[in-house]
């Protein structure tokens, strides 16, 4: 039996963690998106400006990250309201 079975982690977080644990080929963009989605589901409430800052910091550490792709994956996870046109 898996530890997940006994865990009190909300189902939404379990669903977001699953691909991280079971897909070793996941892109850096997807990892960034899923990790941030999990932190939001766990209670963080960043603004879109803060999300852009997080992505910029990640790009400093890993310049090969495709920022647009990371944002698209993140937005498709629907953990925040739609991004304003100015961000």
PDB file of N, CA and C in Angstrom:
ATOM      1  N   UNK A   1       0.820  -1.185   0.000  1.00  0.00           N
ATOM      2  CA  UNK A   1       0.000   0.000   0.000  1.00  0.00           C
ATOM      3  C   UNK A   1       0.866   1.252   0.000  1.00  0.00           C
ATOM      4  N   UNK A   2       0.406   2.231  -0.669  1.00  0.00           N
ATOM      5  CA  UNK A   2       1.117   3.498  -0.785  1.00  0.00           C
ATOM      6  C   UNK A   2       0.887   4.370   0.444  1.00  0.00           C
ATOM      7  N   UNK A   3       1.885   5.203   0.745  1.00  0.00           N
ATOM      8  CA  UNK A   3       1.726   6.193   1.811  1.00  0.00           C
ATOM      9  C   UNK A   3       0.576   7.132   1.498  1.00  0.00           C
ATOM     10  N   UNK A   4       0.332   7.380   0.213  1.00  0.00           N
ATOM     11  CA  UNK A   4      -0.756   8.268  -0.216  1.00  0.00           C
ATOM     12  C   UNK A   4      -2.094   7.825   0.366  1.00  0.00           C
ATOM     13  N   UNK A   5      -2.280   6.534   0.463  1.00  0.00           N
ATOM     14  CA  UNK A   5      -3.550   5.993   0.913  1.00  0.00           C
ATOM     15  C   UNK A   5      -3.884   6.434   2.331  1.00  0.00           C
ATOM     16  N   UNK A   6      -2.858   6.552   3.162  1.00  0.00           N
ATOM     17  CA  UNK A   6      -3.055   6.911   4.561  1.00  0.00           C
ATOM     18  C   UNK A   6      -2.930   8.413   4.805  1.00  0.00           C
ATOM     19  N   UNK A   7      -2.544   9.137   3.840  1.00  0.00           N
ATOM     20  CA  UNK A   7      -2.260  10.560   3.977  1.00  0.00           C
ATOM     21  C   UNK A   7      -3.535  11.386   4.106  1.00  0.00           C
ATOM     22  N   UNK A   8      -3.397  12.492   4.838  1.00  0.00           N
ATOM     23  CA  UNK A   8      -4.523  13.416   4.969  1.00  0.00           C
ATOM     24  C   UNK A   8      -4.385  14.590   3.998  1.00  0.00           C
ATOM     25  N   UNK A   9      -3.557  14.424   3.000  1.00  0.00           N
ATOM     26  CA  UNK A   9      -3.346  15.461   1.995  1.00  0.00           C
ATOM     27  C   UNK A   9      -4.617  15.593   1.144  1.00  0.00           C
ATOM     28  N   UNK A  10      -5.059  16.820   0.895  1.00  0.00           N
ATOM     29  CA  UNK A  10      -6.255  16.999   0.057  1.00  0.00           C
ATOM     30  C   UNK A  10      -6.095  16.352  -1.327  1.00  0.00           C
ATOM     31  N   UNK A  11      -7.184  15.871  -1.844  1.00  0.00           N
ATOM     32  CA  UNK A  11      -7.183  15.188  -3.139  1.00  0.00           C
ATOM     33  C   UNK A  11      -6.620  16.069  -4.255  1.00  0.00           C
ATOM     34  N   UNK A  12      -6.925  17.368  -4.228  1.00  0.00           N
ATOM     35  CA  UNK A  12      -6.407  18.284  -5.266  1.00  0.00           C
ATOM     36  C   UNK A  12      -4.886  18.269  -5.306  1.00  0.00           C
ATOM     37  N   UNK A  13      -4.259  18.231  -4.132  1.00  0.00           N
ATOM     38  CA  UNK A  13      -2.795  18.213  -4.072  1.00  0.00           C
ATOM     39  C   UNK A  13      -2.270  16.860  -4.520  1.00  0.00           C
ATOM     40  N   UNK A  14      -2.927  15.784  -4.126  1.00  0.00           N
ATOM     41  CA  UNK A  14      -2.504  14.457  -4.570  1.00  0.00           C
ATOM     42  C   UNK A  14      -2.504  14.377  -6.097  1.00  0.00           C
ATOM     43  N   UNK A  15      -3.554  14.935  -6.716  1.00  0.00           N
ATOM     44  CA  UNK A  15      -3.647  14.896  -8.176  1.00  0.00           C
ATOM     45  C   UNK A  15      -2.527  15.691  -8.835  1.00  0.00           C
ATOM     46  N   UNK A  16      -2.122  16.791  -8.212  1.00  0.00           N
ATOM     47  CA  UNK A  16      -1.026  17.585  -8.768  1.00  0.00           C
ATOM     48  C   UNK A  16       0.332  16.928  -8.515  1.00  0.00           C
ATOM     49  N   UNK A  17       0.472  16.221  -7.413  1.00  0.00           N
ATOM     50  CA  UNK A  17       1.751  15.565  -7.103  1.00  0.00           C
ATOM     51  C   UNK A  17       1.992  14.332  -7.962  1.00  0.00           C
ATOM     52  N   UNK A  18       0.925  13.657  -8.349  1.00  0.00           N
ATOM     53  CA  UNK A  18       1.068  12.392  -9.065  1.00  0.00           C
ATOM     54  C   UNK A  18       2.013  12.483 -10.270  1.00  0.00           C
ATOM     55  N   UNK A  19       1.818  13.445 -11.190  1.00  0.00           N
ATOM     56  CA  UNK A  19       2.733  13.493 -12.342  1.00  0.00           C
ATOM     57  C   UNK A  19       4.179  13.787 -11.941  1.00  0.00           C
ATOM     58  N   UNK A  20       4.372  14.556 -10.887  1.00  0.00           N
ATOM     59  CA  UNK A  20       5.735  14.851 -10.436  1.00  0.00           C
ATOM     60  C   UNK A  20       6.438  13.584  -9.957  1.00  0.00           C
ATOM     61  N   UNK A  21       5.716  12.729  -9.299  1.00  0.00           N
ATOM     62  CA  UNK A  21       6.294  11.497  -8.757  1.00  0.00           C
ATOM     63  C   UNK A  21       6.434  10.398  -9.799  1.00  0.00           C
ATOM     64  N   UNK A  22       5.608  10.442 -10.828  1.00  0.00           N
ATOM     65  CA  UNK A  22       5.538   9.303 -11.743  1.00  0.00           C
ATOM     66  C   UNK A  22       5.956   9.608 -13.175  1.00  0.00           C
ATOM     67  N   UNK A  23       6.466  10.778 -13.438  1.00  0.00           N
ATOM     68  CA  UNK A  23       6.882  11.117 -14.795  1.00  0.00           C
ATOM     69  C   UNK A  23       8.294  11.693 -14.777  1.00  0.00           C
ATOM     70  N   UNK A  24       9.304  10.835 -14.836  1.00  0.00           N
ATOM     71  CA  UNK A  24      10.687  11.327 -14.795  1.00  0.00           C
ATOM     72  C   UNK A  24      11.084  12.154 -16.018  1.00  0.00           C
ATOM     73  N   UNK A  25      10.285  12.100 -17.068  1.00  0.00           N
ATOM     74  CA  UNK A  25      10.574  12.850 -18.287  1.00  0.00           C
ATOM     75  C   UNK A  25       9.889  14.218 -18.312  1.00  0.00           C
ATOM     76  N   UNK A  26       9.268  14.606 -17.206  1.00  0.00           N
ATOM     77  CA  UNK A  26       8.540  15.873 -17.157  1.00  0.00           C
ATOM     78  C   UNK A  26       9.492  17.038 -17.434  1.00  0.00           C
ATOM     79  N   UNK A  27       9.034  17.964 -18.246  1.00  0.00           N
ATOM     80  CA  UNK A  27       9.870  19.112 -18.607  1.00  0.00           C
ATOM     81  C   UNK A  27      10.078  20.035 -17.405  1.00  0.00           C
ATOM     82  N   UNK A  28      11.115  20.830 -17.478  1.00  0.00           N
ATOM     83  CA  UNK A  28      11.382  21.793 -16.405  1.00  0.00           C
ATOM     84  C   UNK A  28      10.227  22.783 -16.286  1.00  0.00           C
ATOM     85  N   UNK A  29       9.605  23.119 -17.409  1.00  0.00           N
ATOM     86  CA  UNK A  29       8.463  24.028 -17.398  1.00  0.00           C
ATOM     87  C   UNK A  29       7.283  23.414 -16.636  1.00  0.00           C
ATOM     88  N   UNK A  30       7.030  22.144 -16.885  1.00  0.00           N
ATOM     89  CA  UNK A  30       5.931  21.462 -16.205  1.00  0.00           C
ATOM     90  C   UNK A  30       6.216  21.316 -14.715  1.00  0.00           C
ATOM     91  N   UNK A  31       7.450  20.997 -14.363  1.00  0.00           N
ATOM     92  CA  UNK A  31       7.806  20.889 -12.945  1.00  0.00           C
ATOM     93  C   UNK A  31       7.567  22.221 -12.252  1.00  0.00           C
ATOM     94  N   UNK A  32       8.014  23.304 -12.871  1.00  0.00           N
ATOM     95  CA  UNK A  32       7.795  24.637 -12.282  1.00  0.00           C
ATOM     96  C   UNK A  32       6.299  24.893 -12.095  1.00  0.00           C
ATOM     97  N   UNK A  33       5.512  24.616 -13.115  1.00  0.00           N
ATOM     98  CA  UNK A  33       4.073  24.868 -13.066  1.00  0.00           C
ATOM     99  C   UNK A  33       3.401  24.038 -11.980  1.00  0.00           C
ATOM    100  N   UNK A  34       3.704  22.753 -11.927  1.00  0.00           N
ATOM    101  CA  UNK A  34       3.072  21.879 -10.939  1.00  0.00           C
ATOM    102  C   UNK A  34       3.503  22.226  -9.518  1.00  0.00           C
ATOM    103  N   UNK A  35       4.767  22.530  -9.309  1.00  0.00           N
ATOM    104  CA  UNK A  35       5.229  22.888  -7.962  1.00  0.00           C
ATOM    105  C   UNK A  35       4.542  24.165  -7.477  1.00  0.00           C
ATOM    106  N   UNK A  36       4.401  25.129  -8.344  1.00  0.00           N
ATOM    107  CA  UNK A  36       3.720  26.360  -7.958  1.00  0.00           C
ATOM    108  C   UNK A  36       2.231  26.129  -7.741  1.00  0.00           C
ATOM    109  N   UNK A  37       1.633  25.279  -8.536  1.00  0.00           N
ATOM    110  CA  UNK A  37       0.217  24.954  -8.350  1.00  0.00           C
ATOM    111  C   UNK A  37      -0.006  24.274  -7.002  1.00  0.00           C
ATOM    112  N   UNK A  38       0.891  23.380  -6.635  1.00  0.00           N
ATOM    113  CA  UNK A  38       0.784  22.705  -5.337  1.00  0.00           C
ATOM    114  C   UNK A  38       0.893  23.713  -4.199  1.00  0.00           C
ATOM    115  N   UNK A  39       1.835  24.646  -4.302  1.00  0.00           N
ATOM    116  CA  UNK A  39       1.986  25.631  -3.224  1.00  0.00           C
ATOM    117  C   UNK A  39       0.732  26.499  -3.094  1.00  0.00           C
ATOM    118  N   UNK A  40       0.081  26.796  -4.193  1.00  0.00           N
ATOM    119  CA  UNK A  40      -1.158  27.582  -4.145  1.00  0.00           C
ATOM    120  C   UNK A  40      -2.279  26.753  -3.513  1.00  0.00           C
ATOM    121  N   UNK A  41      -2.397  25.499  -3.911  1.00  0.00           N
ATOM    122  CA  UNK A  41      -3.422  24.637  -3.330  1.00  0.00           C
ATOM    123  C   UNK A  41      -3.166  24.400  -1.840  1.00  0.00           C
ATOM    124  N   UNK A  42      -1.906  24.541  -1.421  1.00  0.00           N
ATOM    125  CA  UNK A  42      -1.552  24.360  -0.011  1.00  0.00           C
ATOM    126  C   UNK A  42      -1.782  25.630   0.807  1.00  0.00           C
ATOM    127  N   UNK A  43      -2.175  26.715   0.146  1.00  0.00           N
ATOM    128  CA  UNK A  43      -2.539  27.909   0.902  1.00  0.00           C
ATOM    129  C   UNK A  43      -1.873  29.204   0.508  1.00  0.00           C
ATOM    130  N   UNK A  44      -0.848  29.157  -0.328  1.00  0.00           N
ATOM    131  CA  UNK A  44      -0.233  30.409  -0.778  1.00  0.00           C
ATOM    132  C   UNK A  44      -1.212  31.169  -1.668  1.00  0.00           C
ATOM    133  N   UNK A  45      -1.077  32.480  -1.679  1.00  0.00           N
ATOM    134  CA  UNK A  45      -1.969  33.301  -2.505  1.00  0.00           C
ATOM    135  C   UNK A  45      -1.171  34.377  -3.240  1.00  0.00           C
ATOM    136  N   UNK A  46      -0.290  33.968  -4.154  1.00  0.00           N
ATOM    137  CA  UNK A  46       0.501  34.958  -4.878  1.00  0.00           C
ATOM    138  C   UNK A  46      -0.325  35.713  -5.913  1.00  0.00           C
ATOM    139  N   UNK A  47       0.115  36.913  -6.210  1.00  0.00           N
ATOM    140  CA  UNK A  47      -0.491  37.670  -7.307  1.00  0.00           C
ATOM    141  C   UNK A  47       0.175  37.207  -8.610  1.00  0.00           C
ATOM    142  N   UNK A  48      -0.375  37.647  -9.727  1.00  0.00           N
ATOM    143  CA  UNK A  48       0.262  37.318 -11.009  1.00  0.00           C
ATOM    144  C   UNK A  48       1.639  37.978 -11.110  1.00  0.00           C
ATOM    145  N   UNK A  49       1.788  39.158 -10.533  1.00  0.00           N
ATOM    146  CA  UNK A  49       3.114  39.795 -10.535  1.00  0.00           C
ATOM    147  C   UNK A  49       4.125  38.935  -9.788  1.00  0.00           C
ATOM    148  N   UNK A  50       3.701  38.383  -8.666  1.00  0.00           N
ATOM    149  CA  UNK A  50       4.595  37.496  -7.913  1.00  0.00           C
ATOM    150  C   UNK A  50       4.918  36.228  -8.696  1.00  0.00           C
ATOM    151  N   UNK A  51       3.947  35.714  -9.427  1.00  0.00           N
ATOM    152  CA  UNK A  51       4.208  34.536 -10.253  1.00  0.00           C
ATOM    153  C   UNK A  51       5.222  34.849 -11.349  1.00  0.00           C
ATOM    154  N   UNK A  52       5.117  36.033 -11.924  1.00  0.00           N
ATOM    155  CA  UNK A  52       6.084  36.438 -12.955  1.00  0.00           C
ATOM    156  C   UNK A  52       7.492  36.564 -12.343  1.00  0.00           C
ATOM    157  N   UNK A  53       7.562  37.065 -11.119  1.00  0.00           N
ATOM    158  CA  UNK A  53       8.851  37.164 -10.429  1.00  0.00           C
ATOM    159  C   UNK A  53       9.430  35.777 -10.175  1.00  0.00           C
ATOM    160  N   UNK A  54       8.586  34.853  -9.754  1.00  0.00           N
ATOM    161  CA  UNK A  54       9.046  33.480  -9.518  1.00  0.00           C
ATOM    162  C   UNK A  54       9.606  32.872 -10.805  1.00  0.00           C
ATOM    163  N   UNK A  55       8.906  33.104 -11.886  1.00  0.00           N
ATOM    164  CA  UNK A  55       9.346  32.564 -13.166  1.00  0.00           C
ATOM    165  C   UNK A  55      10.656  33.215 -13.608  1.00  0.00           C
ATOM    166  N   UNK A  56      10.784  34.503 -13.378  1.00  0.00           N
ATOM    167  CA  UNK A  56      12.037  35.199 -13.722  1.00  0.00           C
ATOM    168  C   UNK A  56      13.201  34.647 -12.903  1.00  0.00           C
ATOM    169  N   UNK A  57      12.960  34.391 -11.620  1.00  0.00           N
ATOM    170  CA  UNK A  57      14.024  33.815 -10.772  1.00  0.00           C
ATOM    171  C   UNK A  57      14.403  32.419 -11.264  1.00  0.00           C
ATOM    172  N   UNK A  58      13.416  31.644 -11.681  1.00  0.00           N
ATOM    173  CA  UNK A  58      13.704  30.316 -12.201  1.00  0.00           C
ATOM    174  C   UNK A  58      14.530  30.410 -13.482  1.00  0.00           C
ATOM    175  N   UNK A  59      14.210  31.382 -14.318  1.00  0.00           N
ATOM    176  CA  UNK A  59      14.956  31.566 -15.573  1.00  0.00           C
ATOM    177  C   UNK A  59      16.403  31.980 -15.309  1.00  0.00           C
ATOM    178  N   UNK A  60      16.640  32.678 -14.203  1.00  0.00           N
ATOM    179  CA  UNK A  60      18.019  33.025 -13.836  1.00  0.00           C
ATOM    180  C   UNK A  60      18.813  31.774 -13.486  1.00  0.00           C
ATOM    181  N   UNK A  61      18.158  30.845 -12.798  1.00  0.00           N
ATOM    182  CA  UNK A  61      18.808  29.603 -12.378  1.00  0.00           C
ATOM    183  C   UNK A  61      18.911  28.619 -13.540  1.00  0.00           C
ATOM    184  N   UNK A  62      17.884  28.586 -14.362  1.00  0.00           N
ATOM    185  CA  UNK A  62      17.833  27.649 -15.478  1.00  0.00           C
ATOM    186  C   UNK A  62      17.448  28.410 -16.749  1.00  0.00           C
ATOM    187  N   UNK A  63      18.431  28.974 -17.431  1.00  0.00           N
ATOM    188  CA  UNK A  63      18.136  29.804 -18.609  1.00  0.00           C
ATOM    189  C   UNK A  63      17.447  29.072 -19.757  1.00  0.00           C
ATOM    190  N   UNK A  64      17.467  27.752 -19.774  1.00  0.00           N
ATOM    191  CA  UNK A  64      16.830  27.024 -20.881  1.00  0.00           C
ATOM    192  C   UNK A  64      15.320  26.910 -20.713  1.00  0.00           C
ATOM    193  N   UNK A  65      14.766  27.358 -19.582  1.00  0.00           N
ATOM    194  CA  UNK A  65      13.324  27.267 -19.373  1.00  0.00           C
ATOM    195  C   UNK A  65      12.596  28.152 -20.384  1.00  0.00           C
ATOM    196  N   UNK A  66      11.557  27.614 -20.957  1.00  0.00           N
ATOM    197  CA  UNK A  66      10.710  28.356 -21.885  1.00  0.00           C
ATOM    198  C   UNK A  66       9.598  28.987 -21.044  1.00  0.00           C
ATOM    199  N   UNK A  67       9.710  30.270 -20.799  1.00  0.00           N
ATOM    200  CA  UNK A  67       8.769  30.953 -19.905  1.00  0.00           C
ATOM    201  C   UNK A  67       7.326  30.860 -20.390  1.00  0.00           C
ATOM    202  N   UNK A  68       7.126  31.028 -21.674  1.00  0.00           N
ATOM    203  CA  UNK A  68       5.767  30.974 -22.228  1.00  0.00           C
ATOM    204  C   UNK A  68       5.152  29.595 -22.018  1.00  0.00           C
ATOM    205  N   UNK A  69       5.931  28.568 -22.272  1.00  0.00           N
ATOM    206  CA  UNK A  69       5.443  27.206 -22.086  1.00  0.00           C
ATOM    207  C   UNK A  69       5.112  26.950 -20.610  1.00  0.00           C
ATOM    208  N   UNK A  70       5.968  27.415 -19.706  1.00  0.00           N
ATOM    209  CA  UNK A  70       5.732  27.238 -18.270  1.00  0.00           C
ATOM    210  C   UNK A  70       4.430  27.925 -17.858  1.00  0.00           C
ATOM    211  N   UNK A  71       4.220  29.132 -18.354  1.00  0.00           N
ATOM    212  CA  UNK A  71       2.981  29.855 -18.031  1.00  0.00           C
ATOM    213  C   UNK A  71       1.755  29.160 -18.597  1.00  0.00           C
ATOM    214  N   UNK A  72       1.853  28.646 -19.801  1.00  0.00           N
ATOM    215  CA  UNK A  72       0.719  27.940 -20.414  1.00  0.00           C
ATOM    216  C   UNK A  72       0.341  26.709 -19.593  1.00  0.00           C
ATOM    217  N   UNK A  73       1.345  25.946 -19.185  1.00  0.00           N
ATOM    218  CA  UNK A  73       1.079  24.756 -18.373  1.00  0.00           C
ATOM    219  C   UNK A  73       0.446  25.170 -17.051  1.00  0.00           C
ATOM    220  N   UNK A  74       1.023  26.192 -16.421  1.00  0.00           N
ATOM    221  CA  UNK A  74       0.506  26.675 -15.141  1.00  0.00           C
ATOM    222  C   UNK A  74      -0.946  27.144 -15.272  1.00  0.00           C
ATOM    223  N   UNK A  75      -1.216  27.946 -16.285  1.00  0.00           N
ATOM    224  CA  UNK A  75      -2.579  28.445 -16.482  1.00  0.00           C
ATOM    225  C   UNK A  75      -3.568  27.319 -16.734  1.00  0.00           C
ATOM    226  N   UNK A  76      -3.139  26.275 -17.433  1.00  0.00           N
ATOM    227  CA  UNK A  76      -4.017  25.136 -17.709  1.00  0.00           C
ATOM    228  C   UNK A  76      -4.350  24.330 -16.452  1.00  0.00           C
ATOM    229  N   UNK A  77      -3.568  24.498 -15.402  1.00  0.00           N
ATOM    230  CA  UNK A  77      -3.862  23.819 -14.140  1.00  0.00           C
ATOM    231  C   UNK A  77      -4.984  24.518 -13.375  1.00  0.00           C
ATOM    232  N   UNK A  78      -5.313  25.737 -13.783  1.00  0.00           N
ATOM    233  CA  UNK A  78      -6.455  26.491 -13.258  1.00  0.00           C
ATOM    234  C   UNK A  78      -6.468  26.597 -11.734  1.00  0.00           C
ATOM    235  N   UNK A  79      -5.332  27.002 -11.177  1.00  0.00           N
ATOM    236  CA  UNK A  79      -5.261  27.203  -9.728  1.00  0.00           C
ATOM    237  C   UNK A  79      -5.342  28.680  -9.334  1.00  0.00           C
ATOM    238  N   UNK A  80      -5.350  29.542 -10.334  1.00  0.00           N
ATOM    239  CA  UNK A  80      -5.478  30.987 -10.116  1.00  0.00           C
ATOM    240  C   UNK A  80      -6.470  31.533 -11.123  1.00  0.00           C
ATOM    241  N   UNK A  81      -7.045  32.694 -10.820  1.00  0.00           N
ATOM    242  CA  UNK A  81      -7.908  33.337 -11.818  1.00  0.00           C
ATOM    243  C   UNK A  81      -7.099  33.620 -13.089  1.00  0.00           C
ATOM    244  N   UNK A  82      -7.762  33.799 -14.225  1.00  0.00           N
ATOM    245  CA  UNK A  82      -7.029  34.072 -15.466  1.00  0.00           C
ATOM    246  C   UNK A  82      -6.090  35.269 -15.305  1.00  0.00           C
ATOM    247  N   UNK A  83      -4.989  35.179 -16.019  1.00  0.00           N
ATOM    248  CA  UNK A  83      -3.972  36.223 -15.968  1.00  0.00           C
ATOM    249  C   UNK A  83      -4.483  37.485 -16.633  1.00  0.00           C
ATOM    250  N   UNK A  84      -4.295  38.643 -15.980  1.00  0.00           N
ATOM    251  CA  UNK A  84      -4.683  39.904 -16.615  1.00  0.00           C
ATOM    252  C   UNK A  84      -3.869  40.132 -17.894  1.00  0.00           C
ATOM    253  N   UNK A  85      -4.406  40.831 -18.824  1.00  0.00           N
ATOM    254  CA  UNK A  85      -3.746  41.075 -20.117  1.00  0.00           C
ATOM    255  C   UNK A  85      -2.445  41.840 -19.965  1.00  0.00           C
ATOM    256  N   UNK A  86      -2.287  42.613 -18.909  1.00  0.00           N
ATOM    257  CA  UNK A  86      -1.080  43.437 -18.742  1.00  0.00           C
ATOM    258  C   UNK A  86       0.081  42.690 -18.112  1.00  0.00           C
ATOM    259  N   UNK A  87      -0.132  41.474 -17.619  1.00  0.00           N
ATOM    260  CA  UNK A  87       0.948  40.740 -16.951  1.00  0.00           C
ATOM    261  C   UNK A  87       1.648  39.867 -17.944  1.00  0.00           C
TER     262      UNK A  87
END
